[in-house]
Amino acid sequence: MSICAENIAFGSLSQGAEPRVAYLTGYNARDELGRYFEGLARDWEMIEYKVNHLVAQQDRVVMLGHCSWRNKHTGKVVSTPKADSWRFANGKAVEYYEYFDTAQVHAAVA
């Protein structure tokens, strides 16, 4: 959390559309991000997180990769391409947005 600016703009492609993973949504403050990480830790077990490419230009870094997670309640596995877009200012992350297969996530919690 210390790499994040206090007013980080944090977003997830899911945007809280599935009530069982409502924490996969947007946040506008570092203090709110705890809900995101608490939900992940409570509901998911990470199987794999693979970084294939890191692309940096000026104040932006984009990660292209793949990740797999197991839902702790249903046992279903999500295996999806993953893209993360970061923007930095004054040594802190000021913007983050994650992209993944939301349909798989929603199916895994059902």
PDB file of N, CA and C in Angstrom:
ATOM      1  N   MET A   1       0.816  -1.191   0.000  1.00  0.00           N
ATOM      2  CA  MET A   1       0.000   0.000   0.000  1.00  0.00           C
ATOM      3  C   MET A   1       0.863   1.260   0.000  1.00  0.00           C
ATOM      4  N   SER A   2       2.081   1.152   0.480  1.00  0.00           N
ATOM      5  CA  SER A   2       2.926   2.341   0.593  1.00  0.00           C
ATOM      6  C   SER A   2       3.355   2.887  -0.768  1.00  0.00           C
ATOM      7  N   ILE A   3       3.245   2.083  -1.843  1.00  0.00           N
ATOM      8  CA  ILE A   3       3.591   2.604  -3.162  1.00  0.00           C
ATOM      9  C   ILE A   3       2.460   3.440  -3.755  1.00  0.00           C
ATOM     10  N   CYS A   4       1.278   3.410  -3.148  1.00  0.00           N
ATOM     11  CA  CYS A   4       0.116   4.115  -3.673  1.00  0.00           C
ATOM     12  C   CYS A   4       0.007   5.517  -3.092  1.00  0.00           C
ATOM     13  N   ALA A   5      -0.330   6.480  -3.942  1.00  0.00           N
ATOM     14  CA  ALA A   5      -0.619   7.833  -3.475  1.00  0.00           C
ATOM     15  C   ALA A   5      -1.919   7.798  -2.668  1.00  0.00           C
ATOM     16  N   GLU A   6      -2.082   8.750  -1.788  1.00  0.00           N
ATOM     17  CA  GLU A   6      -3.282   8.788  -0.948  1.00  0.00           C
ATOM     18  C   GLU A   6      -4.556   8.877  -1.775  1.00  0.00           C
ATOM     19  N   ASN A   7      -4.505   9.551  -2.908  1.00  0.00           N
ATOM     20  CA  ASN A   7      -5.698   9.727  -3.744  1.00  0.00           C
ATOM     21  C   ASN A   7      -5.618   8.919  -5.039  1.00  0.00           C
ATOM     22  N   ILE A   8      -5.105   7.702  -4.959  1.00  0.00           N
ATOM     23  CA  ILE A   8      -4.971   6.848  -6.137  1.00  0.00           C
ATOM     24  C   ILE A   8      -6.341   6.601  -6.786  1.00  0.00           C
ATOM     25  N   ALA A   9      -6.360   6.645  -8.112  1.00  0.00           N
ATOM     26  CA  ALA A   9      -7.543   6.262  -8.885  1.00  0.00           C
ATOM     27  C   ALA A   9      -7.350   4.796  -9.256  1.00  0.00           C
ATOM     28  N   PHE A  10      -8.088   3.912  -8.625  1.00  0.00           N
ATOM     29  CA  PHE A  10      -7.912   2.468  -8.745  1.00  0.00           C
ATOM     30  C   PHE A  10      -9.171   1.888  -9.365  1.00  0.00           C
ATOM     31  N   GLY A  11      -9.020   1.084 -10.410  1.00  0.00           N
ATOM     32  CA  GLY A  11     -10.195   0.525 -11.068  1.00  0.00           C
ATOM     33  C   GLY A  11     -10.007  -0.903 -11.509  1.00  0.00           C
ATOM     34  N   SER A  12     -11.127  -1.588 -11.646  1.00  0.00           N
ATOM     35  CA  SER A  12     -11.155  -2.979 -12.073  1.00  0.00           C
ATOM     36  C   SER A  12     -12.220  -3.128 -13.145  1.00  0.00           C
ATOM     37  N   LEU A  13     -11.922  -3.879 -14.181  1.00  0.00           N
ATOM     38  CA  LEU A  13     -12.856  -4.076 -15.285  1.00  0.00           C
ATOM     39  C   LEU A  13     -14.211  -4.577 -14.795  1.00  0.00           C
ATOM     40  N   SER A  14     -14.225  -5.335 -13.731  1.00  0.00           N
ATOM     41  CA  SER A  14     -15.465  -5.887 -13.187  1.00  0.00           C
ATOM     42  C   SER A  14     -16.408  -4.798 -12.684  1.00  0.00           C
ATOM     43  N   GLN A  15     -15.864  -3.705 -12.152  1.00  0.00           N
ATOM     44  CA  GLN A  15     -16.621  -2.560 -11.652  1.00  0.00           C
ATOM     45  C   GLN A  15     -17.737  -2.935 -10.679  1.00  0.00           C
ATOM     46  N   GLY A  16     -17.516  -3.997  -9.890  1.00  0.00           N
ATOM     47  CA  GLY A  16     -18.479  -4.369  -8.859  1.00  0.00           C
ATOM     48  C   GLY A  16     -19.788  -4.907  -9.394  1.00  0.00           C
ATOM     49  N   ALA A  17     -19.828  -5.319 -10.666  1.00  0.00           N
ATOM     50  CA  ALA A  17     -21.077  -5.761 -11.298  1.00  0.00           C
ATOM     51  C   ALA A  17     -21.638  -7.038 -10.680  1.00  0.00           C
ATOM     52  N   GLU A  18     -20.793  -7.890 -10.144  1.00  0.00           N
ATOM     53  CA  GLU A  18     -21.221  -9.144  -9.510  1.00  0.00           C
ATOM     54  C   GLU A  18     -21.193  -8.923  -7.997  1.00  0.00           C
ATOM     55  N   PRO A  19     -22.347  -8.986  -7.330  1.00  0.00           N
ATOM     56  CA  PRO A  19     -22.394  -8.693  -5.885  1.00  0.00           C
ATOM     57  C   PRO A  19     -21.448  -9.533  -5.034  1.00  0.00           C
ATOM     58  N   ARG A  20     -21.171 -10.773  -5.435  1.00  0.00           N
ATOM     59  CA  ARG A  20     -20.287 -11.626  -4.633  1.00  0.00           C
ATOM     60  C   ARG A  20     -18.820 -11.207  -4.716  1.00  0.00           C
ATOM     61  N   VAL A  21     -18.490 -10.362  -5.673  1.00  0.00           N
ATOM     62  CA  VAL A  21     -17.141  -9.806  -5.772  1.00  0.00           C
ATOM     63  C   VAL A  21     -17.235  -8.284  -5.944  1.00  0.00           C
ATOM     64  N   ALA A  22     -18.090  -7.680  -5.165  1.00  0.00           N
ATOM     65  CA  ALA A  22     -18.326  -6.235  -5.250  1.00  0.00           C
ATOM     66  C   ALA A  22     -17.057  -5.432  -4.979  1.00  0.00           C
ATOM     67  N   TYR A  23     -16.091  -6.022  -4.286  1.00  0.00           N
ATOM     68  CA  TYR A  23     -14.822  -5.342  -3.994  1.00  0.00           C
ATOM     69  C   TYR A  23     -13.960  -5.163  -5.240  1.00  0.00           C
ATOM     70  N   LEU A  24     -14.267  -5.875  -6.340  1.00  0.00           N
ATOM     71  CA  LEU A  24     -13.564  -5.686  -7.610  1.00  0.00           C
ATOM     72  C   LEU A  24     -14.196  -4.489  -8.315  1.00  0.00           C
ATOM     73  N   THR A  25     -13.885  -3.310  -7.836  1.00  0.00           N
ATOM     74  CA  THR A  25     -14.520  -2.088  -8.311  1.00  0.00           C
ATOM     75  C   THR A  25     -13.536  -0.936  -8.258  1.00  0.00           C
ATOM     76  N   GLY A  26     -14.026   0.271  -8.403  1.00  0.00           N
ATOM     77  CA  GLY A  26     -13.178   1.447  -8.364  1.00  0.00           C
ATOM     78  C   GLY A  26     -13.040   2.009  -6.957  1.00  0.00           C
ATOM     79  N   TYR A  27     -11.884   2.580  -6.697  1.00  0.00           N
ATOM     80  CA  TYR A  27     -11.600   3.246  -5.418  1.00  0.00           C
ATOM     81  C   TYR A  27     -10.887   4.560  -5.727  1.00  0.00           C
ATOM     82  N   ASN A  28     -11.080   5.539  -4.882  1.00  0.00           N
ATOM     83  CA  ASN A  28     -10.456   6.840  -5.097  1.00  0.00           C
ATOM     84  C   ASN A  28      -9.540   7.263  -3.966  1.00  0.00           C
ATOM     85  N   ALA A  29      -9.234   6.342  -3.074  1.00  0.00           N
ATOM     86  CA  ALA A  29      -8.346   6.661  -1.950  1.00  0.00           C
ATOM     87  C   ALA A  29      -7.622   5.398  -1.506  1.00  0.00           C
ATOM     88  N   ARG A  30      -6.370   5.586  -1.123  1.00  0.00           N
ATOM     89  CA  ARG A  30      -5.554   4.455  -0.655  1.00  0.00           C
ATOM     90  C   ARG A  30      -6.208   3.762   0.532  1.00  0.00           C
ATOM     91  N   ASP A  31      -6.811   4.512   1.435  1.00  0.00           N
ATOM     92  CA  ASP A  31      -7.439   3.928   2.624  1.00  0.00           C
ATOM     93  C   ASP A  31      -8.582   2.976   2.272  1.00  0.00           C
ATOM     94  N   GLU A  32      -9.239   3.187   1.125  1.00  0.00           N
ATOM     95  CA  GLU A  32     -10.345   2.326   0.709  1.00  0.00           C
ATOM     96  C   GLU A  32      -9.866   1.011   0.111  1.00  0.00           C
ATOM     97  N   LEU A  33      -8.635   0.967  -0.374  1.00  0.00           N
ATOM     98  CA  LEU A  33      -8.116  -0.214  -1.078  1.00  0.00           C
ATOM     99  C   LEU A  33      -8.057  -1.467  -0.219  1.00  0.00           C
ATOM    100  N   GLY A  34      -8.072  -1.313   1.079  1.00  0.00           N
ATOM    101  CA  GLY A  34      -8.057  -2.473   1.962  1.00  0.00           C
ATOM    102  C   GLY A  34      -9.191  -3.431   1.646  1.00  0.00           C
ATOM    103  N   ARG A  35     -10.358  -2.903   1.270  1.00  0.00           N
ATOM    104  CA  ARG A  35     -11.513  -3.761   0.933  1.00  0.00           C
ATOM    105  C   ARG A  35     -11.211  -4.651  -0.261  1.00  0.00           C
ATOM    106  N   TYR A  36     -10.495  -4.124  -1.242  1.00  0.00           N
ATOM    107  CA  TYR A  36     -10.120  -4.899  -2.420  1.00  0.00           C
ATOM    108  C   TYR A  36      -9.235  -6.086  -2.015  1.00  0.00           C
ATOM    109  N   PHE A  37      -8.175  -5.801  -1.270  1.00  0.00           N
ATOM    110  CA  PHE A  37      -7.228  -6.850  -0.894  1.00  0.00           C
ATOM    111  C   PHE A  37      -7.806  -7.808   0.141  1.00  0.00           C
ATOM    112  N   GLU A  38      -8.656  -7.324   1.035  1.00  0.00           N
ATOM    113  CA  GLU A  38      -9.337  -8.213   1.995  1.00  0.00           C
ATOM    114  C   GLU A  38     -10.243  -9.194   1.263  1.00  0.00           C
ATOM    115  N   GLY A  39     -10.977  -8.717   0.265  1.00  0.00           N
ATOM    116  CA  GLY A  39     -11.851  -9.589  -0.519  1.00  0.00           C
ATOM    117  C   GLY A  39     -11.073 -10.643  -1.279  1.00  0.00           C
ATOM    118  N   LEU A  40      -9.972 -10.231  -1.918  1.00  0.00           N
ATOM    119  CA  LEU A  40      -9.140 -11.202  -2.631  1.00  0.00           C
ATOM    120  C   LEU A  40      -8.616 -12.273  -1.687  1.00  0.00           C
ATOM    121  N   ALA A  41      -8.092 -11.855  -0.543  1.00  0.00           N
ATOM    122  CA  ALA A  41      -7.516 -12.812   0.414  1.00  0.00           C
ATOM    123  C   ALA A  41      -8.579 -13.743   0.990  1.00  0.00           C
ATOM    124  N   ARG A  42      -9.759 -13.235   1.214  1.00  0.00           N
ATOM    125  CA  ARG A  42     -10.841 -14.031   1.790  1.00  0.00           C
ATOM    126  C   ARG A  42     -11.405 -15.044   0.789  1.00  0.00           C
ATOM    127  N   ASP A  43     -11.558 -14.625  -0.482  1.00  0.00           N
ATOM    128  CA  ASP A  43     -12.312 -15.413  -1.451  1.00  0.00           C
ATOM    129  C   ASP A  43     -11.477 -16.190  -2.467  1.00  0.00           C
ATOM    130  N   TRP A  44     -10.197 -15.874  -2.610  1.00  0.00           N
ATOM    131  CA  TRP A  44      -9.412 -16.450  -3.690  1.00  0.00           C
ATOM    132  C   TRP A  44      -8.055 -16.952  -3.226  1.00  0.00           C
ATOM    133  N   GLU A  45      -7.602 -18.012  -3.888  1.00  0.00           N
ATOM    134  CA  GLU A  45      -6.251 -18.533  -3.704  1.00  0.00           C
ATOM    135  C   GLU A  45      -5.520 -18.342  -5.034  1.00  0.00           C
ATOM    136  N   MET A  46      -4.405 -17.630  -5.024  1.00  0.00           N
ATOM    137  CA  MET A  46      -3.650 -17.425  -6.258  1.00  0.00           C
ATOM    138  C   MET A  46      -2.912 -18.703  -6.616  1.00  0.00           C
ATOM    139  N   ILE A  47      -3.090 -19.150  -7.839  1.00  0.00           N
ATOM    140  CA  ILE A  47      -2.404 -20.324  -8.357  1.00  0.00           C
ATOM    141  C   ILE A  47      -1.180 -19.887  -9.160  1.00  0.00           C
ATOM    142  N   GLU A  48      -1.366 -18.868  -9.995  1.00  0.00           N
ATOM    143  CA  GLU A  48      -0.283 -18.417 -10.873  1.00  0.00           C
ATOM    144  C   GLU A  48      -0.468 -16.942 -11.196  1.00  0.00           C
ATOM    145  N   TYR A  49       0.619 -16.229 -11.283  1.00  0.00           N
ATOM    146  CA  TYR A  49       0.628 -14.856 -11.783  1.00  0.00           C
ATOM    147  C   TYR A  49       1.892 -14.721 -12.610  1.00  0.00           C
ATOM    148  N   LYS A  50       1.736 -14.659 -13.916  1.00  0.00           N
ATOM    149  CA  LYS A  50       2.880 -14.658 -14.827  1.00  0.00           C
ATOM    150  C   LYS A  50       2.939 -13.332 -15.581  1.00  0.00           C
ATOM    151  N   VAL A  51       4.074 -12.680 -15.491  1.00  0.00           N
ATOM    152  CA  VAL A  51       4.314 -11.446 -16.225  1.00  0.00           C
ATOM    153  C   VAL A  51       5.012 -11.802 -17.528  1.00  0.00           C
ATOM    154  N   ASN A  52       4.367 -11.488 -18.650  1.00  0.00           N
ATOM    155  CA  ASN A  52       4.969 -11.745 -19.956  1.00  0.00           C
ATOM    156  C   ASN A  52       5.711 -10.525 -20.491  1.00  0.00           C
ATOM    157  N   HIS A  53       5.140  -9.339 -20.277  1.00  0.00           N
ATOM    158  CA  HIS A  53       5.742  -8.109 -20.791  1.00  0.00           C
ATOM    159  C   HIS A  53       5.476  -6.962 -19.823  1.00  0.00           C
ATOM    160  N   LEU A  54       6.463  -6.100 -19.696  1.00  0.00           N
ATOM    161  CA  LEU A  54       6.313  -4.822 -19.011  1.00  0.00           C
ATOM    162  C   LEU A  54       6.661  -3.751 -20.031  1.00  0.00           C
ATOM    163  N   VAL A  55       5.763  -2.815 -20.226  1.00  0.00           N
ATOM    164  CA  VAL A  55       5.971  -1.740 -21.182  1.00  0.00           C
ATOM    165  C   VAL A  55       5.913  -0.428 -20.414  1.00  0.00           C
ATOM    166  N   ALA A  56       6.976   0.357 -20.520  1.00  0.00           N
ATOM    167  CA  ALA A  56       7.035   1.623 -19.795  1.00  0.00           C
ATOM    168  C   ALA A  56       7.238   2.768 -20.780  1.00  0.00           C
ATOM    169  N   GLN A  57       6.457   3.819 -20.583  1.00  0.00           N
ATOM    170  CA  GLN A  57       6.598   5.024 -21.388  1.00  0.00           C
ATOM    171  C   GLN A  57       6.215   6.217 -20.536  1.00  0.00           C
ATOM    172  N   GLN A  58       7.136   7.120 -20.356  1.00  0.00           N
ATOM    173  CA  GLN A  58       6.955   8.303 -19.516  1.00  0.00           C
ATOM    174  C   GLN A  58       6.500   7.888 -18.117  1.00  0.00           C
ATOM    175  N   ASP A  59       5.299   8.269 -17.698  1.00  0.00           N
ATOM    176  CA  ASP A  59       4.850   7.984 -16.328  1.00  0.00           C
ATOM    177  C   ASP A  59       3.966   6.742 -16.229  1.00  0.00           C
ATOM    178  N   ARG A  60       3.866   5.957 -17.311  1.00  0.00           N
ATOM    179  CA  ARG A  60       2.965   4.810 -17.345  1.00  0.00           C
ATOM    180  C   ARG A  60       3.737   3.507 -17.514  1.00  0.00           C
ATOM    181  N   VAL A  61       3.278   2.468 -16.792  1.00  0.00           N
ATOM    182  CA  VAL A  61       3.814   1.115 -16.926  1.00  0.00           C
ATOM    183  C   VAL A  61       2.626   0.184 -17.135  1.00  0.00           C
ATOM    184  N   VAL A  62       2.721  -0.670 -18.152  1.00  0.00           N
ATOM    185  CA  VAL A  62       1.666  -1.636 -18.434  1.00  0.00           C
ATOM    186  C   VAL A  62       2.254  -3.041 -18.340  1.00  0.00           C
ATOM    187  N   MET A  63       1.549  -3.903 -17.617  1.00  0.00           N
ATOM    188  CA  MET A  63       1.940  -5.303 -17.483  1.00  0.00           C
ATOM    189  C   MET A  63       0.961  -6.131 -18.310  1.00  0.00           C
ATOM    190  N   LEU A  64       1.499  -7.011 -19.128  1.00  0.00           N
ATOM    191  CA  LEU A  64       0.699  -7.970 -19.883  1.00  0.00           C
ATOM    192  C   LEU A  64       1.110  -9.353 -19.425  1.00  0.00           C
ATOM    193  N   GLY A  65       0.147 -10.151 -19.014  1.00  0.00           N
ATOM    194  CA  GLY A  65       0.481 -11.461 -18.491  1.00  0.00           C
ATOM    195  C   GLY A  65      -0.709 -12.385 -18.411  1.00  0.00           C
ATOM    196  N   HIS A  66      -0.657 -13.254 -17.430  1.00  0.00           N
ATOM    197  CA  HIS A  66      -1.679 -14.282 -17.251  1.00  0.00           C
ATOM    198  C   HIS A  66      -1.757 -14.605 -15.762  1.00  0.00           C
ATOM    199  N   CYS A  67      -2.958 -14.907 -15.275  1.00  0.00           N
ATOM    200  CA  CYS A  67      -3.075 -15.321 -13.876  1.00  0.00           C
ATOM    201  C   CYS A  67      -4.158 -16.384 -13.730  1.00  0.00           C
ATOM    202  N   SER A  68      -4.034 -17.156 -12.677  1.00  0.00           N
ATOM    203  CA  SER A  68      -5.021 -18.186 -12.340  1.00  0.00           C
ATOM    204  C   SER A  68      -5.307 -18.095 -10.849  1.00  0.00           C
ATOM    205  N   TRP A  69      -6.590 -18.183 -10.525  1.00  0.00           N
ATOM    206  CA  TRP A  69      -7.052 -18.104  -9.134  1.00  0.00           C
ATOM    207  C   TRP A  69      -8.091 -19.179  -8.886  1.00  0.00           C
ATOM    208  N   ARG A  70      -8.140 -19.709  -7.676  1.00  0.00           N
ATOM    209  CA  ARG A  70      -9.165 -20.668  -7.271  1.00  0.00           C
ATOM    210  C   ARG A  70     -10.072 -19.977  -6.258  1.00  0.00           C
ATOM    211  N   ASN A  71     -11.378 -20.053  -6.516  1.00  0.00           N
ATOM    212  CA  ASN A  71     -12.324 -19.492  -5.559  1.00  0.00           C
ATOM    213  C   ASN A  71     -12.398 -20.417  -4.357  1.00  0.00           C
ATOM    214  N   LYS A  72     -12.192 -19.885  -3.162  1.00  0.00           N
ATOM    215  CA  LYS A  72     -12.145 -20.685  -1.936  1.00  0.00           C
ATOM    216  C   LYS A  72     -13.503 -21.252  -1.556  1.00  0.00           C
ATOM    217  N   HIS A  73     -14.589 -20.681  -2.034  1.00  0.00           N
ATOM    218  CA  HIS A  73     -15.928 -21.132  -1.660  1.00  0.00           C
ATOM    219  C   HIS A  73     -16.495 -22.172  -2.628  1.00  0.00           C
ATOM    220  N   THR A  74     -16.196 -22.008  -3.931  1.00  0.00           N
ATOM    221  CA  THR A  74     -16.753 -22.923  -4.932  1.00  0.00           C
ATOM    222  C   THR A  74     -15.731 -23.925  -5.452  1.00  0.00           C
ATOM    223  N   GLY A  75     -14.449 -23.635  -5.278  1.00  0.00           N
ATOM    224  CA  GLY A  75     -13.402 -24.496  -5.815  1.00  0.00           C
ATOM    225  C   GLY A  75     -13.148 -24.296  -7.296  1.00  0.00           C
ATOM    226  N   LYS A  76     -13.914 -23.423  -7.944  1.00  0.00           N
ATOM    227  CA  LYS A  76     -13.753 -23.182  -9.379  1.00  0.00           C
ATOM    228  C   LYS A  76     -12.517 -22.332  -9.636  1.00  0.00           C
ATOM    229  N   VAL A  77     -11.872 -22.610 -10.794  1.00  0.00           N
ATOM    230  CA  VAL A  77     -10.632 -21.931 -11.157  1.00  0.00           C
ATOM    231  C   VAL A  77     -10.891 -20.942 -12.288  1.00  0.00           C
ATOM    232  N   VAL A  78     -10.291 -19.777 -12.159  1.00  0.00           N
ATOM    233  CA  VAL A  78     -10.275 -18.758 -13.205  1.00  0.00           C
ATOM    234  C   VAL A  78      -8.855 -18.721 -13.751  1.00  0.00           C
ATOM    235  N   SER A  79      -8.715 -18.851 -15.068  1.00  0.00           N
ATOM    236  CA  SER A  79      -7.416 -18.775 -15.728  1.00  0.00           C
ATOM    237  C   SER A  79      -7.575 -17.777 -16.870  1.00  0.00           C
ATOM    238  N   THR A  80      -6.958 -16.609 -16.742  1.00  0.00           N
ATOM    239  CA  THR A  80      -7.270 -15.519 -17.657  1.00  0.00           C
ATOM    240  C   THR A  80      -6.046 -14.695 -18.049  1.00  0.00           C
ATOM    241  N   PRO A  81      -6.051 -14.161 -19.264  1.00  0.00           N
ATOM    242  CA  PRO A  81      -5.061 -13.136 -19.576  1.00  0.00           C
ATOM    243  C   PRO A  81      -5.277 -11.964 -18.622  1.00  0.00           C
ATOM    244  N   LYS A  82      -4.224 -11.210 -18.352  1.00  0.00           N
ATOM    245  CA  LYS A  82      -4.310 -10.104 -17.396  1.00  0.00           C
ATOM    246  C   LYS A  82      -3.503  -8.941 -17.928  1.00  0.00           C
ATOM    247  N   ALA A  83      -4.053  -7.763 -17.815  1.00  0.00           N
ATOM    248  CA  ALA A  83      -3.327  -6.535 -18.141  1.00  0.00           C
ATOM    249  C   ALA A  83      -3.541  -5.560 -16.998  1.00  0.00           C
ATOM    250  N   ASP A  84      -2.472  -4.942 -16.558  1.00  0.00           N
ATOM    251  CA  ASP A  84      -2.523  -3.931 -15.509  1.00  0.00           C
ATOM    252  C   ASP A  84      -1.868  -2.669 -16.034  1.00  0.00           C
ATOM    253  N   SER A  85      -2.554  -1.552 -15.878  1.00  0.00           N
ATOM    254  CA  SER A  85      -2.023  -0.267 -16.297  1.00  0.00           C
ATOM    255  C   SER A  85      -1.786   0.604 -15.070  1.00  0.00           C
ATOM    256  N   TRP A  86      -0.554   1.051 -14.898  1.00  0.00           N
ATOM    257  CA  TRP A  86      -0.150   1.875 -13.765  1.00  0.00           C
ATOM    258  C   TRP A  86       0.313   3.239 -14.277  1.00  0.00           C
ATOM    259  N   ARG A  87       0.048   4.283 -13.496  1.00  0.00           N
ATOM    260  CA  ARG A  87       0.624   5.598 -13.763  1.00  0.00           C
ATOM    261  C   ARG A  87       1.224   6.103 -12.456  1.00  0.00           C
ATOM    262  N   PHE A  88       2.424   6.680 -12.553  1.00  0.00           N
ATOM    263  CA  PHE A  88       3.169   7.102 -11.371  1.00  0.00           C
ATOM    264  C   PHE A  88       3.459   8.600 -11.413  1.00  0.00           C
ATOM    265  N   ALA A  89       3.512   9.197 -10.233  1.00  0.00           N
ATOM    266  CA  ALA A  89       3.922  10.596 -10.075  1.00  0.00           C
ATOM    267  C   ALA A  89       4.600  10.740  -8.720  1.00  0.00           C
ATOM    268  N   ASN A  90       5.704  11.420  -8.700  1.00  0.00           N
ATOM    269  CA  ASN A  90       6.447  11.655  -7.459  1.00  0.00           C
ATOM    270  C   ASN A  90       6.751  10.360  -6.704  1.00  0.00           C
ATOM    271  N   GLY A  91       7.057   9.295  -7.444  1.00  0.00           N
ATOM    272  CA  GLY A  91       7.428   8.029  -6.830  1.00  0.00           C
ATOM    273  C   GLY A  91       6.271   7.209  -6.277  1.00  0.00           C
ATOM    274  N   LYS A  92       5.043   7.613  -6.545  1.00  0.00           N
ATOM    275  CA  LYS A  92       3.862   6.901  -6.035  1.00  0.00           C
ATOM    276  C   LYS A  92       2.936   6.532  -7.196  1.00  0.00           C
ATOM    277  N   ALA A  93       2.205   5.427  -7.031  1.00  0.00           N
ATOM    278  CA  ALA A  93       1.186   5.054  -8.006  1.00  0.00           C
ATOM    279  C   ALA A  93      -0.021   5.960  -7.809  1.00  0.00           C
ATOM    280  N   VAL A  94      -0.405   6.667  -8.868  1.00  0.00           N
ATOM    281  CA  VAL A  94      -1.554   7.573  -8.786  1.00  0.00           C
ATOM    282  C   VAL A  94      -2.756   7.035  -9.551  1.00  0.00           C
ATOM    283  N   GLU A  95      -2.510   6.013 -10.365  1.00  0.00           N
ATOM    284  CA  GLU A  95      -3.599   5.432 -11.151  1.00  0.00           C
ATOM    285  C   GLU A  95      -3.289   3.965 -11.426  1.00  0.00           C
ATOM    286  N   TYR A  96      -4.317   3.135 -11.330  1.00  0.00           N
ATOM    287  CA  TYR A  96      -4.176   1.704 -11.609  1.00  0.00           C
ATOM    288  C   TYR A  96      -5.499   1.224 -12.196  1.00  0.00           C
ATOM    289  N   TYR A  97      -5.429   0.390 -13.227  1.00  0.00           N
ATOM    290  CA  TYR A  97      -6.630  -0.232 -13.771  1.00  0.00           C
ATOM    291  C   TYR A  97      -6.261  -1.639 -14.201  1.00  0.00           C
ATOM    292  N   GLU A  98      -7.110  -2.623 -13.824  1.00  0.00           N
ATOM    293  CA  GLU A  98      -6.841  -4.018 -14.177  1.00  0.00           C
ATOM    294  C   GLU A  98      -7.880  -4.536 -15.163  1.00  0.00           C
ATOM    295  N   TYR A  99      -7.399  -5.366 -16.079  1.00  0.00           N
ATOM    296  CA  TYR A  99      -8.235  -5.976 -17.120  1.00  0.00           C
ATOM    297  C   TYR A  99      -8.069  -7.488 -17.028  1.00  0.00           C
ATOM    298  N   PHE A 100      -9.192  -8.214 -17.057  1.00  0.00           N
ATOM    299  CA  PHE A 100      -9.174  -9.673 -16.992  1.00  0.00           C
ATOM    300  C   PHE A 100     -10.512 -10.182 -17.496  1.00  0.00           C
ATOM    301  N   ASP A 101     -10.657 -11.490 -17.599  1.00  0.00           N
ATOM    302  CA  ASP A 101     -11.892 -12.098 -18.098  1.00  0.00           C
ATOM    303  C   ASP A 101     -12.942 -12.097 -16.989  1.00  0.00           C
ATOM    304  N   THR A 102     -13.786 -11.092 -16.975  1.00  0.00           N
ATOM    305  CA  THR A 102     -14.793 -10.955 -15.925  1.00  0.00           C
ATOM    306  C   THR A 102     -15.836 -12.070 -15.981  1.00  0.00           C
ATOM    307  N   ALA A 103     -16.124 -12.591 -17.168  1.00  0.00           N
ATOM    308  CA  ALA A 103     -17.117 -13.667 -17.286  1.00  0.00           C
ATOM    309  C   ALA A 103     -16.651 -14.895 -16.509  1.00  0.00           C
ATOM    310  N   GLN A 104     -15.363 -15.215 -16.576  1.00  0.00           N
ATOM    311  CA  GLN A 104     -14.840 -16.354 -15.805  1.00  0.00           C
ATOM    312  C   GLN A 104     -14.952 -16.110 -14.310  1.00  0.00           C
ATOM    313  N   VAL A 105     -14.651 -14.915 -13.875  1.00  0.00           N
ATOM    314  CA  VAL A 105     -14.743 -14.581 -12.444  1.00  0.00           C
ATOM    315  C   VAL A 105     -16.182 -14.726 -11.979  1.00  0.00           C
ATOM    316  N   HIS A 106     -17.111 -14.179 -12.722  1.00  0.00           N
ATOM    317  CA  HIS A 106     -18.521 -14.248 -12.325  1.00  0.00           C
ATOM    318  C   HIS A 106     -19.010 -15.702 -12.302  1.00  0.00           C
ATOM    319  N   ALA A 107     -18.562 -16.525 -13.257  1.00  0.00           N
ATOM    320  CA  ALA A 107     -18.947 -17.937 -13.274  1.00  0.00           C
ATOM    321  C   ALA A 107     -18.330 -18.686 -12.084  1.00  0.00           C
ATOM    322  N   ALA A 108     -17.134 -18.305 -11.697  1.00  0.00           N
ATOM    323  CA  ALA A 108     -16.448 -19.012 -10.605  1.00  0.00           C
ATOM    324  C   ALA A 108     -17.088 -18.759  -9.259  1.00  0.00           C
ATOM    325  N   VAL A 109     -17.764 -17.657  -9.085  1.00  0.00           N
ATOM    326  CA  VAL A 109     -18.386 -17.369  -7.786  1.00  0.00           C
ATOM    327  C   VAL A 109     -19.826 -17.877  -7.718  1.00  0.00           C
ATOM    328  N   ALA A 110     -20.336 -18.326  -8.844  1.00  0.00           N
ATOM    329  CA  ALA A 110     -21.732 -18.800  -8.896  1.00  0.00           C
ATOM    330  C   ALA A 110     -21.843 -20.229  -8.393  1.00  0.00           C
TER     331      ALA A 110
END
